[in-house]
C-alpha atoms as a PDB file:
ATOM      1  CA  MET A   1     107.318  85.961 127.152  1.00  0.00           C
ATOM      2  CA  THR A   2     105.876  87.027 123.829  1.00  0.00           C
ATOM      3  CA  GLU A   3     108.805  89.283 123.117  1.00  0.00           C
ATOM      4  CA  LEU A   4     111.181  86.464 123.813  1.00  0.00           C
ATOM      5  CA  LEU A   5     109.301  84.094 121.470  1.00  0.00           C
ATOM      6  CA  MET A   6     109.242  86.707 118.706  1.00  0.00           C
ATOM      7  CA  ALA A   7     113.027  87.222 119.097  1.00  0.00           C
ATOM      8  CA  ALA A   8     113.551  83.474 118.785  1.00  0.00           C
ATOM      9  CA  TYR A   9     111.449  83.427 115.545  1.00  0.00           C
ATOM     10  CA  TYR A  10     113.473  86.390 114.209  1.00  0.00           C
ATOM     11  CA  ALA A  11     116.799  84.643 115.025  1.00  0.00           C
ATOM     12  CA  ALA A  12     115.655  81.417 113.372  1.00  0.00           C
ATOM     13  CA  GLU A  13     114.386  83.063 110.165  1.00  0.00           C
ATOM     14  CA  HIS A  14     117.545  85.192 109.843  1.00  0.00           C
ATOM     15  CA  ALA A  15     119.920  82.386 110.896  1.00  0.00           C
ATOM     16  CA  GLU A  16     121.710  84.735 113.322  1.00  0.00           C
ATOM     17  CA  VAL A  17     122.149  85.308 117.051  1.00  0.00           C
ATOM     18  CA  VAL A  18     120.276  88.402 118.311  1.00  0.00           C
ATOM     19  CA  ARG A  19     120.962  90.438 121.391  1.00  0.00           C
ATOM     20  CA  PHE A  20     117.958  90.837 123.632  1.00  0.00           C
ATOM     21  CA  PRO A  21     116.124  93.192 123.760  1.00  0.00           C
ATOM     22  CA  ILE A  22     115.685  93.756 119.989  1.00  0.00           C
ATOM     23  CA  ASP A  23     113.359  96.122 118.290  1.00  0.00           C
ATOM     24  CA  LEU A  24     110.656  93.970 116.754  1.00  0.00           C
ATOM     25  CA  SER A  25     107.991  96.533 116.174  1.00  0.00           C
ATOM     26  CA  ASP A  26     107.932  96.066 112.432  1.00  0.00           C
ATOM     27  CA  TYR A  27     108.670  92.281 112.437  1.00  0.00           C
ATOM     28  CA  VAL A  28     105.961  89.815 111.418  1.00  0.00           C
ATOM     29  CA  PRO A  29     106.951  86.140 111.706  1.00  0.00           C
ATOM     30  CA  ALA A  30     106.599  83.906 108.619  1.00  0.00           C
ATOM     31  CA  VAL A  31     103.928  81.910 110.422  1.00  0.00           C
ATOM     32  CA  ALA A  32     101.766  85.025 110.852  1.00  0.00           C
ATOM     33  CA  ARG A  33     102.409  86.000 107.193  1.00  0.00           C
ATOM     34  CA  ARG A  34     101.374  82.461 106.157  1.00  0.00           C
ATOM     35  CA  ALA A  35     104.702  82.150 104.431  1.00  0.00           C
ATOM     36  CA  TRP A  36     105.995  79.306 106.511  1.00  0.00           C
ATOM     37  CA  ARG A  37     105.758  75.826 105.078  1.00  0.00           C
ATOM     38  CA  PRO A  38     106.691  72.804 107.252  1.00  0.00           C
ATOM     39  CA  ARG A  39     109.263  70.378 105.818  1.00  0.00           C
ATOM     40  CA  ARG A  40     107.821  67.117 104.477  1.00  0.00           C
ATOM     41  CA  ASP A  41     110.938  65.105 104.976  1.00  0.00           C
ATOM     42  CA  PHE A  42     109.965  63.134 108.074  1.00  0.00           C
END
């Protein structure tokens, strides 16, 4: 389940469709890097 969620984060950040399984060994999502900022347009 974690691997699937990480692949979804990767796909969203890179705006592309990924084929599963994907090598995510070096990938750190923006949320974990504290680089993600929510949009304030709601």
